[in-house]
PDB file of N, CA and C in Angstrom:
ATOM      1  N   MET A   1       7.585  -5.824  17.110  1.00  0.00           N
ATOM      2  CA  MET A   1       7.387  -5.190  15.815  1.00  0.00           C
ATOM      3  C   MET A   1       6.320  -4.100  15.944  1.00  0.00           C
ATOM      4  N   ASP A   2       6.541  -2.997  15.301  1.00  0.00           N
ATOM      5  CA  ASP A   2       5.591  -1.896  15.298  1.00  0.00           C
ATOM      6  C   ASP A   2       4.603  -2.108  14.151  1.00  0.00           C
ATOM      7  N   THR A   3       3.393  -2.526  14.489  1.00  0.00           N
ATOM      8  CA  THR A   3       2.393  -2.810  13.454  1.00  0.00           C
ATOM      9  C   THR A   3       1.622  -1.567  13.037  1.00  0.00           C
ATOM     10  N   HIS A   4       1.956  -0.414  13.605  1.00  0.00           N
ATOM     11  CA  HIS A   4       1.239   0.807  13.248  1.00  0.00           C
ATOM     12  C   HIS A   4       1.476   1.225  11.803  1.00  0.00           C
ATOM     13  N   ARG A   5       2.610   0.848  11.251  1.00  0.00           N
ATOM     14  CA  ARG A   5       2.882   1.223   9.863  1.00  0.00           C
ATOM     15  C   ARG A   5       2.374   0.178   8.879  1.00  0.00           C
ATOM     16  N   PHE A   6       1.754  -0.877   9.373  1.00  0.00           N
ATOM     17  CA  PHE A   6       1.210  -1.928   8.525  1.00  0.00           C
ATOM     18  C   PHE A   6      -0.315  -1.872   8.534  1.00  0.00           C
ATOM     19  N   ILE A   7      -0.918  -2.514   7.538  1.00  0.00           N
ATOM     20  CA  ILE A   7      -2.371  -2.588   7.446  1.00  0.00           C
ATOM     21  C   ILE A   7      -2.769  -4.042   7.532  1.00  0.00           C
ATOM     22  N   GLU A   8      -3.791  -4.308   8.308  1.00  0.00           N
ATOM     23  CA  GLU A   8      -4.250  -5.686   8.477  1.00  0.00           C
ATOM     24  C   GLU A   8      -4.832  -6.181   7.154  1.00  0.00           C
ATOM     25  N   LEU A   9      -4.403  -7.369   6.731  1.00  0.00           N
ATOM     26  CA  LEU A   9      -4.840  -7.922   5.451  1.00  0.00           C
ATOM     27  C   LEU A   9      -6.346  -8.142   5.418  1.00  0.00           C
ATOM     28  N   ARG A  10      -6.910  -8.550   6.526  1.00  0.00           N
ATOM     29  CA  ARG A  10      -8.362  -8.768   6.572  1.00  0.00           C
ATOM     30  C   ARG A  10      -9.105  -7.456   6.305  1.00  0.00           C
ATOM     31  N   GLU A  11      -8.587  -6.373   6.839  1.00  0.00           N
ATOM     32  CA  GLU A  11      -9.195  -5.053   6.625  1.00  0.00           C
ATOM     33  C   GLU A  11      -9.152  -4.666   5.150  1.00  0.00           C
ATOM     34  N   VAL A  12      -8.030  -4.941   4.509  1.00  0.00           N
ATOM     35  CA  VAL A  12      -7.891  -4.636   3.083  1.00  0.00           C
ATOM     36  C   VAL A  12      -8.835  -5.507   2.255  1.00  0.00           C
ATOM     37  N   SER A  13      -8.947  -6.771   2.604  1.00  0.00           N
ATOM     38  CA  SER A  13      -9.845  -7.659   1.857  1.00  0.00           C
ATOM     39  C   SER A  13     -11.289  -7.185   1.979  1.00  0.00           C
ATOM     40  N   GLU A  14     -11.667  -6.683   3.149  1.00  0.00           N
ATOM     41  CA  GLU A  14     -13.023  -6.150   3.323  1.00  0.00           C
ATOM     42  C   GLU A  14     -13.219  -4.873   2.510  1.00  0.00           C
ATOM     43  N   ARG A  15     -12.184  -4.032   2.472  1.00  0.00           N
ATOM     44  CA  ARG A  15     -12.267  -2.784   1.724  1.00  0.00           C
ATOM     45  C   ARG A  15     -12.450  -3.054   0.232  1.00  0.00           C
ATOM     46  N   PHE A  16     -11.773  -4.100  -0.281  1.00  0.00           N
ATOM     47  CA  PHE A  16     -11.862  -4.439  -1.700  1.00  0.00           C
ATOM     48  C   PHE A  16     -13.008  -5.411  -2.000  1.00  0.00           C
ATOM     49  N   HIS A  17     -13.746  -5.792  -0.968  1.00  0.00           N
ATOM     50  CA  HIS A  17     -14.879  -6.716  -1.119  1.00  0.00           C
ATOM     51  C   HIS A  17     -14.460  -8.010  -1.800  1.00  0.00           C
ATOM     52  N   ILE A  18     -13.386  -8.586  -1.284  1.00  0.00           N
ATOM     53  CA  ILE A  18     -12.908  -9.865  -1.811  1.00  0.00           C
ATOM     54  C   ILE A  18     -12.616 -10.779  -0.636  1.00  0.00           C
ATOM     55  N   ASP A  19     -12.801 -12.052  -0.866  1.00  0.00           N
ATOM     56  CA  ASP A  19     -12.602 -13.043   0.180  1.00  0.00           C
ATOM     57  C   ASP A  19     -11.179 -12.959   0.755  1.00  0.00           C
ATOM     58  N   PHE A  20     -11.085 -13.043   2.051  1.00  0.00           N
ATOM     59  CA  PHE A  20      -9.796 -12.973   2.741  1.00  0.00           C
ATOM     60  C   PHE A  20      -8.861 -14.058   2.243  1.00  0.00           C
ATOM     61  N   GLU A  21      -9.388 -15.229   1.967  1.00  0.00           N
ATOM     62  CA  GLU A  21      -8.542 -16.346   1.514  1.00  0.00           C
ATOM     63  C   GLU A  21      -7.899 -16.063   0.157  1.00  0.00           C
ATOM     64  N   VAL A  22      -8.568 -15.319  -0.692  1.00  0.00           N
ATOM     65  CA  VAL A  22      -7.976 -14.938  -1.980  1.00  0.00           C
ATOM     66  C   VAL A  22      -6.792 -14.006  -1.729  1.00  0.00           C
ATOM     67  N   CYS A  23      -6.972 -13.041  -0.843  1.00  0.00           N
ATOM     68  CA  CYS A  23      -5.867 -12.137  -0.489  1.00  0.00           C
ATOM     69  C   CYS A  23      -4.716 -12.914   0.135  1.00  0.00           C
ATOM     70  N   ARG A  24      -5.069 -13.869   0.956  1.00  0.00           N
ATOM     71  CA  ARG A  24      -4.038 -14.694   1.593  1.00  0.00           C
ATOM     72  C   ARG A  24      -3.294 -15.526   0.534  1.00  0.00           C
ATOM     73  N   GLN A  25      -4.030 -16.001  -0.449  1.00  0.00           N
ATOM     74  CA  GLN A  25      -3.408 -16.756  -1.540  1.00  0.00           C
ATOM     75  C   GLN A  25      -2.418 -15.874  -2.300  1.00  0.00           C
ATOM     76  N   PHE A  26      -2.794 -14.612  -2.541  1.00  0.00           N
ATOM     77  CA  PHE A  26      -1.874 -13.676  -3.186  1.00  0.00           C
ATOM     78  C   PHE A  26      -0.620 -13.500  -2.337  1.00  0.00           C
ATOM     79  N   ALA A  27      -0.808 -13.413  -1.034  1.00  0.00           N
ATOM     80  CA  ALA A  27       0.331 -13.259  -0.123  1.00  0.00           C
ATOM     81  C   ALA A  27       1.191 -14.514  -0.122  1.00  0.00           C
ATOM     82  N   ASP A  28       0.556 -15.676  -0.080  1.00  0.00           N
ATOM     83  CA  ASP A  28       1.301 -16.936  -0.082  1.00  0.00           C
ATOM     84  C   ASP A  28       2.109 -17.101  -1.372  1.00  0.00           C
ATOM     85  N   PHE A  29       1.579 -16.579  -2.452  1.00  0.00           N
ATOM     86  CA  PHE A  29       2.258 -16.693  -3.742  1.00  0.00           C
ATOM     87  C   PHE A  29       3.368 -15.657  -3.891  1.00  0.00           C
ATOM     88  N   GLY A  30       3.389 -14.670  -3.009  1.00  0.00           N
ATOM     89  CA  GLY A  30       4.429 -13.643  -3.049  1.00  0.00           C
ATOM     90  C   GLY A  30       4.063 -12.406  -3.832  1.00  0.00           C
ATOM     91  N   ILE A  31       2.806 -12.273  -4.203  1.00  0.00           N
ATOM     92  CA  ILE A  31       2.361 -11.092  -4.935  1.00  0.00           C
ATOM     93  C   ILE A  31       2.431  -9.861  -4.032  1.00  0.00           C
ATOM     94  N   VAL A  32       2.078 -10.043  -2.761  1.00  0.00           N
ATOM     95  CA  VAL A  32       2.261  -9.003  -1.751  1.00  0.00           C
ATOM     96  C   VAL A  32       3.042  -9.616  -0.591  1.00  0.00           C
ATOM     97  N   THR A  33       3.755  -8.770   0.103  1.00  0.00           N
ATOM     98  CA  THR A  33       4.556  -9.222   1.228  1.00  0.00           C
ATOM     99  C   THR A  33       3.763  -9.030   2.508  1.00  0.00           C
ATOM    100  N   THR A  34       3.724 -10.061   3.316  1.00  0.00           N
ATOM    101  CA  THR A  34       2.989  -9.971   4.574  1.00  0.00           C
ATOM    102  C   THR A  34       3.927 -10.143   5.762  1.00  0.00           C
ATOM    103  N   THR A  35       3.466  -9.649   6.875  1.00  0.00           N
ATOM    104  CA  THR A  35       4.134  -9.812   8.158  1.00  0.00           C
ATOM    105  C   THR A  35       3.110 -10.366   9.121  1.00  0.00           C
ATOM    106  N   VAL A  36       3.524 -11.327   9.940  1.00  0.00           N
ATOM    107  CA  VAL A  36       2.611 -11.943  10.899  1.00  0.00           C
ATOM    108  C   VAL A  36       2.969 -11.461  12.297  1.00  0.00           C
ATOM    109  N   GLU A  37       1.960 -11.013  13.010  1.00  0.00           N
ATOM    110  CA  GLU A  37       2.119 -10.614  14.405  1.00  0.00           C
ATOM    111  C   GLU A  37       0.872 -11.068  15.160  1.00  0.00           C
ATOM    112  N   ASN A  38       1.077 -11.906  16.171  1.00  0.00           N
ATOM    113  CA  ASN A  38      -0.042 -12.437  16.966  1.00  0.00           C
ATOM    114  C   ASN A  38      -1.108 -13.082  16.092  1.00  0.00           C
ATOM    115  N   ASP A  39      -0.686 -13.937  15.165  1.00  0.00           N
ATOM    116  CA  ASP A  39      -1.573 -14.657  14.248  1.00  0.00           C
ATOM    117  C   ASP A  39      -2.406 -13.745  13.348  1.00  0.00           C
ATOM    118  N   THR A  40      -1.964 -12.517  13.148  1.00  0.00           N
ATOM    119  CA  THR A  40      -2.656 -11.583  12.274  1.00  0.00           C
ATOM    120  C   THR A  40      -1.721 -11.224  11.125  1.00  0.00           C
ATOM    121  N   LEU A  41      -2.253 -11.275   9.911  1.00  0.00           N
ATOM    122  CA  LEU A  41      -1.467 -10.922   8.722  1.00  0.00           C
ATOM    123  C   LEU A  41      -1.571  -9.426   8.444  1.00  0.00           C
ATOM    124  N   TYR A  42      -0.419  -8.817   8.215  1.00  0.00           N
ATOM    125  CA  TYR A  42      -0.351  -7.402   7.888  1.00  0.00           C
ATOM    126  C   TYR A  42       0.396  -7.236   6.565  1.00  0.00           C
ATOM    127  N   ILE A  43       0.033  -6.181   5.831  1.00  0.00           N
ATOM    128  CA  ILE A  43       0.797  -5.826   4.641  1.00  0.00           C
ATOM    129  C   ILE A  43       1.229  -4.369   4.784  1.00  0.00           C
ATOM    130  N   GLU A  44       2.270  -4.013   4.054  1.00  0.00           N
ATOM    131  CA  GLU A  44       2.743  -2.636   4.072  1.00  0.00           C
ATOM    132  C   GLU A  44       1.824  -1.784   3.206  1.00  0.00           C
ATOM    133  N   PRO A  45       1.671  -0.516   3.549  1.00  0.00           N
ATOM    134  CA  PRO A  45       0.799   0.361   2.751  1.00  0.00           C
ATOM    135  C   PRO A  45       1.181   0.398   1.267  1.00  0.00           C
ATOM    136  N   GLU A  46       2.475   0.257   0.957  1.00  0.00           N
ATOM    137  CA  GLU A  46       2.912   0.272  -0.442  1.00  0.00           C
ATOM    138  C   GLU A  46       2.363  -0.912  -1.225  1.00  0.00           C
ATOM    139  N   ASP A  47       2.049  -2.010  -0.542  1.00  0.00           N
ATOM    140  CA  ASP A  47       1.532  -3.209  -1.213  1.00  0.00           C
ATOM    141  C   ASP A  47       0.033  -3.148  -1.478  1.00  0.00           C
ATOM    142  N   VAL A  48      -0.642  -2.163  -0.918  1.00  0.00           N
ATOM    143  CA  VAL A  48      -2.092  -2.060  -1.127  1.00  0.00           C
ATOM    144  C   VAL A  48      -2.395  -1.824  -2.604  1.00  0.00           C
ATOM    145  N   SER A  49      -1.613  -0.991  -3.254  1.00  0.00           N
ATOM    146  CA  SER A  49      -1.811  -0.730  -4.682  1.00  0.00           C
ATOM    147  C   SER A  49      -1.610  -2.001  -5.501  1.00  0.00           C
ATOM    148  N   THR A  50      -0.571  -2.761  -5.175  1.00  0.00           N
ATOM    149  CA  THR A  50      -0.319  -4.027  -5.869  1.00  0.00           C
ATOM    150  C   THR A  50      -1.477  -4.985  -5.650  1.00  0.00           C
ATOM    151  N   LEU A  51      -1.965  -5.052  -4.421  1.00  0.00           N
ATOM    152  CA  LEU A  51      -3.097  -5.930  -4.116  1.00  0.00           C
ATOM    153  C   LEU A  51      -4.341  -5.478  -4.874  1.00  0.00           C
ATOM    154  N   ARG A  52      -4.536  -4.168  -4.989  1.00  0.00           N
ATOM    155  CA  ARG A  52      -5.689  -3.653  -5.728  1.00  0.00           C
ATOM    156  C   ARG A  52      -5.623  -4.088  -7.193  1.00  0.00           C
ATOM    157  N   HIS A  53      -4.431  -4.011  -7.796  1.00  0.00           N
ATOM    158  CA  HIS A  53      -4.275  -4.459  -9.185  1.00  0.00           C
ATOM    159  C   HIS A  53      -4.512  -5.964  -9.295  1.00  0.00           C
ATOM    160  N   ALA A  54      -3.995  -6.726  -8.345  1.00  0.00           N
ATOM    161  CA  ALA A  54      -4.183  -8.178  -8.357  1.00  0.00           C
ATOM    162  C   ALA A  54      -5.664  -8.531  -8.248  1.00  0.00           C
ATOM    163  N   VAL A  55      -6.369  -7.857  -7.360  1.00  0.00           N
ATOM    164  CA  VAL A  55      -7.806  -8.110  -7.183  1.00  0.00           C
ATOM    165  C   VAL A  55      -8.561  -7.771  -8.460  1.00  0.00           C
ATOM    166  N   SER A  56      -8.182  -6.680  -9.105  1.00  0.00           N
ATOM    167  CA  SER A  56      -8.835  -6.287 -10.350  1.00  0.00           C
ATOM    168  C   SER A  56      -8.623  -7.339 -11.438  1.00  0.00           C
ATOM    169  N   LEU A  57      -7.398  -7.814 -11.569  1.00  0.00           N
ATOM    170  CA  LEU A  57      -7.117  -8.856 -12.561  1.00  0.00           C
ATOM    171  C   LEU A  57      -7.887 -10.135 -12.247  1.00  0.00           C
ATOM    172  N   TYR A  58      -7.947 -10.479 -10.987  1.00  0.00           N
ATOM    173  CA  TYR A  58      -8.630 -11.703 -10.549  1.00  0.00           C
ATOM    174  C   TYR A  58     -10.138 -11.588 -10.762  1.00  0.00           C
ATOM    175  N   ARG A  59     -10.707 -10.502 -10.288  1.00  0.00           N
ATOM    176  CA  ARG A  59     -12.158 -10.345 -10.308  1.00  0.00           C
ATOM    177  C   ARG A  59     -12.671  -9.982 -11.698  1.00  0.00           C
ATOM    178  N   ASP A  60     -12.076  -8.977 -12.319  1.00  0.00           N
ATOM    179  CA  ASP A  60     -12.610  -8.444 -13.571  1.00  0.00           C
ATOM    180  C   ASP A  60     -12.256  -9.282 -14.790  1.00  0.00           C
ATOM    181  N   LEU A  61     -11.051  -9.890 -14.763  1.00  0.00           N
ATOM    182  CA  LEU A  61     -10.605 -10.627 -15.945  1.00  0.00           C
ATOM    183  C   LEU A  61     -10.501 -12.128 -15.732  1.00  0.00           C
ATOM    184  N   GLY A  62     -10.661 -12.577 -14.500  1.00  0.00           N
ATOM    185  CA  GLY A  62     -10.597 -14.005 -14.214  1.00  0.00           C
ATOM    186  C   GLY A  62      -9.202 -14.599 -14.319  1.00  0.00           C
ATOM    187  N   VAL A  63      -8.184 -13.772 -14.133  1.00  0.00           N
ATOM    188  CA  VAL A  63      -6.797 -14.235 -14.236  1.00  0.00           C
ATOM    189  C   VAL A  63      -6.439 -15.008 -12.968  1.00  0.00           C
ATOM    190  N   ASN A  64      -5.763 -16.149 -13.138  1.00  0.00           N
ATOM    191  CA  ASN A  64      -5.371 -16.933 -11.961  1.00  0.00           C
ATOM    192  C   ASN A  64      -4.132 -16.318 -11.302  1.00  0.00           C
ATOM    193  N   THR A  65      -3.779 -16.851 -10.146  1.00  0.00           N
ATOM    194  CA  THR A  65      -2.684 -16.291  -9.356  1.00  0.00           C
ATOM    195  C   THR A  65      -1.368 -16.266 -10.117  1.00  0.00           C
ATOM    196  N   GLU A  66      -1.053 -17.349 -10.822  1.00  0.00           N
ATOM    197  CA  GLU A  66       0.189 -17.401 -11.591  1.00  0.00           C
ATOM    198  C   GLU A  66       0.208 -16.326 -12.674  1.00  0.00           C
ATOM    199  N   GLY A  67      -0.926 -16.149 -13.347  1.00  0.00           N
ATOM    200  CA  GLY A  67      -1.036 -15.125 -14.379  1.00  0.00           C
ATOM    201  C   GLY A  67      -0.904 -13.725 -13.808  1.00  0.00           C
ATOM    202  N   ILE A  68      -1.509 -13.515 -12.645  1.00  0.00           N
ATOM    203  CA  ILE A  68      -1.406 -12.222 -11.972  1.00  0.00           C
ATOM    204  C   ILE A  68       0.051 -11.920 -11.651  1.00  0.00           C
ATOM    205  N   ASP A  69       0.760 -12.919 -11.154  1.00  0.00           N
ATOM    206  CA  ASP A  69       2.169 -12.738 -10.821  1.00  0.00           C
ATOM    207  C   ASP A  69       2.967 -12.325 -12.052  1.00  0.00           C
ATOM    208  N   VAL A  70       2.724 -12.983 -13.175  1.00  0.00           N
ATOM    209  CA  VAL A  70       3.434 -12.671 -14.418  1.00  0.00           C
ATOM    210  C   VAL A  70       3.064 -11.269 -14.900  1.00  0.00           C
ATOM    211  N   ILE A  71       1.791 -10.948 -14.892  1.00  0.00           N
ATOM    212  CA  ILE A  71       1.337  -9.637 -15.370  1.00  0.00           C
ATOM    213  C   ILE A  71       1.919  -8.518 -14.520  1.00  0.00           C
ATOM    214  N   LEU A  72       1.888  -8.679 -13.204  1.00  0.00           N
ATOM    215  CA  LEU A  72       2.421  -7.633 -12.325  1.00  0.00           C
ATOM    216  C   LEU A  72       3.939  -7.499 -12.473  1.00  0.00           C
ATOM    217  N   ALA A  73       4.622  -8.613 -12.693  1.00  0.00           N
ATOM    218  CA  ALA A  73       6.074  -8.548 -12.915  1.00  0.00           C
ATOM    219  C   ALA A  73       6.367  -7.827 -14.233  1.00  0.00           C
ATOM    220  N   MET A  74       5.585  -8.115 -15.266  1.00  0.00           N
ATOM    221  CA  MET A  74       5.766  -7.443 -16.551  1.00  0.00           C
ATOM    222  C   MET A  74       5.451  -5.957 -16.419  1.00  0.00           C
ATOM    223  N   ARG A  75       4.416  -5.641 -15.668  1.00  0.00           N
ATOM    224  CA  ARG A  75       4.048  -4.238 -15.441  1.00  0.00           C
ATOM    225  C   ARG A  75       5.176  -3.495 -14.738  1.00  0.00           C
ATOM    226  N   GLN A  76       5.752  -4.120 -13.728  1.00  0.00           N
ATOM    227  CA  GLN A  76       6.873  -3.511 -13.012  1.00  0.00           C
ATOM    228  C   GLN A  76       8.068  -3.315 -13.934  1.00  0.00           C
ATOM    229  N   ARG A  77       8.317  -4.287 -14.782  1.00  0.00           N
ATOM    230  CA  ARG A  77       9.439  -4.187 -15.727  1.00  0.00           C
ATOM    231  C   ARG A  77       9.203  -3.052 -16.728  1.00  0.00           C
ATOM    232  N   ILE A  78       7.968  -2.899 -17.177  1.00  0.00           N
ATOM    233  CA  ILE A  78       7.631  -1.814 -18.092  1.00  0.00           C
ATOM    234  C   ILE A  78       7.869  -0.468 -17.419  1.00  0.00           C
ATOM    235  N   VAL A  79       7.468  -0.345 -16.169  1.00  0.00           N
ATOM    236  CA  VAL A  79       7.696   0.895 -15.420  1.00  0.00           C
ATOM    237  C   VAL A  79       9.195   1.176 -15.318  1.00  0.00           C
ATOM    238  N   GLN A  80       9.983   0.146 -15.004  1.00  0.00           N
ATOM    239  CA  GLN A  80      11.431   0.321 -14.911  1.00  0.00           C
ATOM    240  C   GLN A  80      12.035   0.742 -16.248  1.00  0.00           C
ATOM    241  N   LEU A  81      11.594   0.093 -17.313  1.00  0.00           N
ATOM    242  CA  LEU A  81      12.104   0.438 -18.640  1.00  0.00           C
ATOM    243  C   LEU A  81      11.718   1.861 -19.040  1.00  0.00           C
ATOM    244  N   GLN A  82      10.498   2.275 -18.691  1.00  0.00           N
ATOM    245  CA  GLN A  82      10.070   3.636 -19.007  1.00  0.00           C
ATOM    246  C   GLN A  82      10.914   4.646 -18.245  1.00  0.00           C
ATOM    247  N   GLU A  83      11.217   4.348 -16.981  1.00  0.00           N
ATOM    248  CA  GLU A  83      12.087   5.234 -16.203  1.00  0.00           C
ATOM    249  C   GLU A  83      13.472   5.312 -16.831  1.00  0.00           C
ATOM    250  N   GLU A  84      13.978   4.180 -17.316  1.00  0.00           N
ATOM    251  CA  GLU A  84      15.284   4.160 -17.963  1.00  0.00           C
ATOM    252  C   GLU A  84      15.270   4.948 -19.271  1.00  0.00           C
ATOM    253  N   VAL A  85      14.202   4.804 -20.051  1.00  0.00           N
ATOM    254  CA  VAL A  85      14.071   5.565 -21.293  1.00  0.00           C
ATOM    255  C   VAL A  85      14.019   7.056 -20.982  1.00  0.00           C
ATOM    256  N   ASP A  86      13.256   7.441 -19.973  1.00  0.00           N
ATOM    257  CA  ASP A  86      13.165   8.850 -19.589  1.00  0.00           C
ATOM    258  C   ASP A  86      14.535   9.390 -19.176  1.00  0.00           C
ATOM    259  N   HIS A  87      15.262   8.603 -18.382  1.00  0.00           N
ATOM    260  CA  HIS A  87      16.596   9.002 -17.939  1.00  0.00           C
ATOM    261  C   HIS A  87      17.534   9.165 -19.134  1.00  0.00           C
ATOM    262  N   LEU A  88      17.529   8.187 -20.031  1.00  0.00           N
ATOM    263  CA  LEU A  88      18.409   8.251 -21.201  1.00  0.00           C
ATOM    264  C   LEU A  88      18.027   9.396 -22.139  1.00  0.00           C
ATOM    265  N   THR A  89      16.745   9.686 -22.244  1.00  0.00           N
ATOM    266  CA  THR A  89      16.291  10.804 -23.072  1.00  0.00           C
ATOM    267  C   THR A  89      16.799  12.122 -22.505  1.00  0.00           C
ATOM    268  N   ARG A  90      16.656  12.282 -21.177  1.00  0.00           N
ATOM    269  CA  ARG A  90      17.170  13.503 -20.539  1.00  0.00           C
ATOM    270  C   ARG A  90      18.679  13.617 -20.727  1.00  0.00           C
ATOM    271  N   ARG A  91      19.388  12.503 -20.596  1.00  0.00           N
ATOM    272  CA  ARG A  91      20.844  12.508 -20.761  1.00  0.00           C
ATOM    273  C   ARG A  91      21.224  12.874 -22.200  1.00  0.00           C
ATOM    274  N   ALA A  92      20.520  12.279 -23.155  1.00  0.00           N
ATOM    275  CA  ALA A  92      20.804  12.579 -24.563  1.00  0.00           C
ATOM    276  C   ALA A  92      20.545  14.055 -24.859  1.00  0.00           C
ATOM    277  N   GLU A  93      19.456  14.590 -24.323  1.00  0.00           N
ATOM    278  CA  GLU A  93      19.157  16.005 -24.534  1.00  0.00           C
ATOM    279  C   GLU A  93      20.235  16.892 -23.909  1.00  0.00           C
ATOM    280  N   ARG A  94      20.692  16.517 -22.717  1.00  0.00           N
ATOM    281  CA  ARG A  94      21.739  17.276 -22.046  1.00  0.00           C
ATOM    282  C   ARG A  94      23.039  17.226 -22.852  1.00  0.00           C
ATOM    283  N   LEU A  95      23.413  16.031 -23.322  1.00  0.00           N
ATOM    284  CA  LEU A  95      24.628  15.895 -24.122  1.00  0.00           C
ATOM    285  C   LEU A  95      24.519  16.645 -25.444  1.00  0.00           C
ATOM    286  N   GLU A  96      23.356  16.607 -26.041  1.00  0.00           N
ATOM    287  CA  GLU A  96      23.127  17.333 -27.287  1.00  0.00           C
ATOM    288  C   GLU A  96      23.275  18.832 -27.062  1.00  0.00           C
ATOM    289  N   GLN A  97      22.718  19.321 -25.967  1.00  0.00           N
ATOM    290  CA  GLN A  97      22.825  20.738 -25.631  1.00  0.00           C
ATOM    291  C   GLN A  97      24.280  21.118 -25.362  1.00  0.00           C
ATOM    292  N   GLU A  98      25.001  20.273 -24.625  1.00  0.00           N
ATOM    293  CA  GLU A  98      26.418  20.534 -24.356  1.00  0.00           C
ATOM    294  C   GLU A  98      27.220  20.535 -25.651  1.00  0.00           C
ATOM    295  N   ASN A  99      26.940  19.604 -26.528  1.00  0.00           N
ATOM    296  CA  ASN A  99      27.636  19.531 -27.810  1.00  0.00           C
ATOM    297  C   ASN A  99      27.347  20.762 -28.656  1.00  0.00           C
ATOM    298  N   PHE A 100      26.107  21.200 -28.647  1.00  0.00           N
ATOM    299  CA  PHE A 100      25.727  22.396 -29.391  1.00  0.00           C
ATOM    300  C   PHE A 100      26.474  23.608 -28.848  1.00  0.00           C
ATOM    301  N   GLN A 101      26.527  23.731 -27.528  1.00  0.00           N
ATOM    302  CA  GLN A 101      27.222  24.862 -26.907  1.00  0.00           C
ATOM    303  C   GLN A 101      28.717  24.826 -27.220  1.00  0.00           C
ATOM    304  N   LYS A 102      29.308  23.643 -27.217  1.00  0.00           N
ATOM    305  CA  LYS A 102      30.736  23.528 -27.555  1.00  0.00           C
ATOM    306  C   LYS A 102      30.979  23.941 -28.988  1.00  0.00           C
ATOM    307  N   ASN A 103      30.102  23.533 -29.899  1.00  0.00           N
ATOM    308  CA  ASN A 103      30.260  23.887 -31.306  1.00  0.00           C
ATOM    309  C   ASN A 103      30.087  25.379 -31.527  1.00  0.00           C
ATOM    310  N   VAL A 104      29.207  25.990 -30.781  1.00  0.00           N
ATOM    311  CA  VAL A 104      28.990  27.421 -30.906  1.00  0.00           C
ATOM    312  C   VAL A 104      30.177  28.184 -30.323  1.00  0.00           C
ATOM    313  N   GLU A 105      30.698  27.719 -29.203  1.00  0.00           N
ATOM    314  CA  GLU A 105      31.788  28.408 -28.521  1.00  0.00           C
ATOM    315  C   GLU A 105      33.140  28.151 -29.166  1.00  0.00           C
ATOM    316  N   LEU A 106      33.304  27.051 -29.859  1.00  0.00           N
ATOM    317  CA  LEU A 106      34.597  26.687 -30.419  1.00  0.00           C
ATOM    318  C   LEU A 106      35.191  27.756 -31.331  1.00  0.00           C
ATOM    319  N   PRO A 107      34.476  28.274 -32.314  1.00  0.00           N
ATOM    320  CA  PRO A 107      35.086  29.297 -33.173  1.00  0.00           C
ATOM    321  C   PRO A 107      35.536  30.526 -32.393  1.00  0.00           C
ATOM    322  N   ARG A 108      34.837  30.928 -31.389  1.00  0.00           N
ATOM    323  CA  ARG A 108      35.207  32.094 -30.604  1.00  0.00           C
ATOM    324  C   ARG A 108      36.504  31.846 -29.851  1.00  0.00           C
ATOM    325  N   LYS A 109      36.674  30.634 -29.370  1.00  0.00           N
ATOM    326  CA  LYS A 109      37.884  30.310 -28.613  1.00  0.00           C
ATOM    327  C   LYS A 109      39.116  30.370 -29.509  1.00  0.00           C
ATOM    328  N   ARG A 110      38.940  30.076 -30.758  1.00  0.00           N
ATOM    329  CA  ARG A 110      40.065  30.088 -31.681  1.00  0.00           C
ATOM    330  C   ARG A 110      40.258  31.465 -32.312  1.00  0.00           C
ATOM    331  N   GLY A 111      39.382  32.375 -31.970  1.00  0.00           N
ATOM    332  CA  GLY A 111      39.525  33.718 -32.517  1.00  0.00           C
ATOM    333  C   GLY A 111      38.916  33.861 -33.902  1.00  0.00           C
ATOM    334  N   LEU A 112      38.118  32.942 -34.303  1.00  0.00           N
ATOM    335  CA  LEU A 112      37.487  33.003 -35.612  1.00  0.00           C
ATOM    336  C   LEU A 112      36.133  33.696 -35.496  1.00  0.00           C
ATOM    337  N   PHE A 113      35.862  34.535 -36.461  1.00  0.00           N
ATOM    338  CA  PHE A 113      34.559  35.165 -36.520  1.00  0.00           C
ATOM    339  C   PHE A 113      33.941  34.812 -37.848  1.00  0.00           C
ATOM    340  N   ILE A 114      32.739  34.328 -37.767  1.00  0.00           N
ATOM    341  CA  ILE A 114      32.048  33.938 -38.987  1.00  0.00           C
ATOM    342  C   ILE A 114      30.910  34.943 -39.181  1.00  0.00           C
ATOM    343  N   GLU A 115      30.927  35.611 -40.285  1.00  0.00           N
ATOM    344  CA  GLU A 115      29.878  36.570 -40.551  1.00  0.00           C
ATOM    345  C   GLU A 115      28.914  35.997 -41.572  1.00  0.00           C
ATOM    346  N   PHE A 116      27.648  36.241 -41.341  1.00  0.00           N
ATOM    347  CA  PHE A 116      26.606  35.779 -42.256  1.00  0.00           C
ATOM    348  C   PHE A 116      25.964  36.944 -42.912  1.00  0.00           C
TER     349      PHE A 116
END
């Protein structure tokens, strides 16, 4: 396995000034995904942000691991829903624009001229 694209969990725990065992507990619970190579735990760089949020919830708010898991899952769902709302908004705007253009072009296609 190429561990160059991974970050050692112990290094991340030191960077966030939190006990390694707490980070390991987050990993054991599935909050972050770890890979083991030569008895060393690694996480992917994309999981560092998730771990940072988990540490913040744990340290600043005293949320337990189960609560952190629920909060992060809800946060991810909110992000997904916001992306879906943005997509649907863009689609609605596009359809509205197309409908407007069809309504404007329709009289011309039929040879009708409307004077104001």
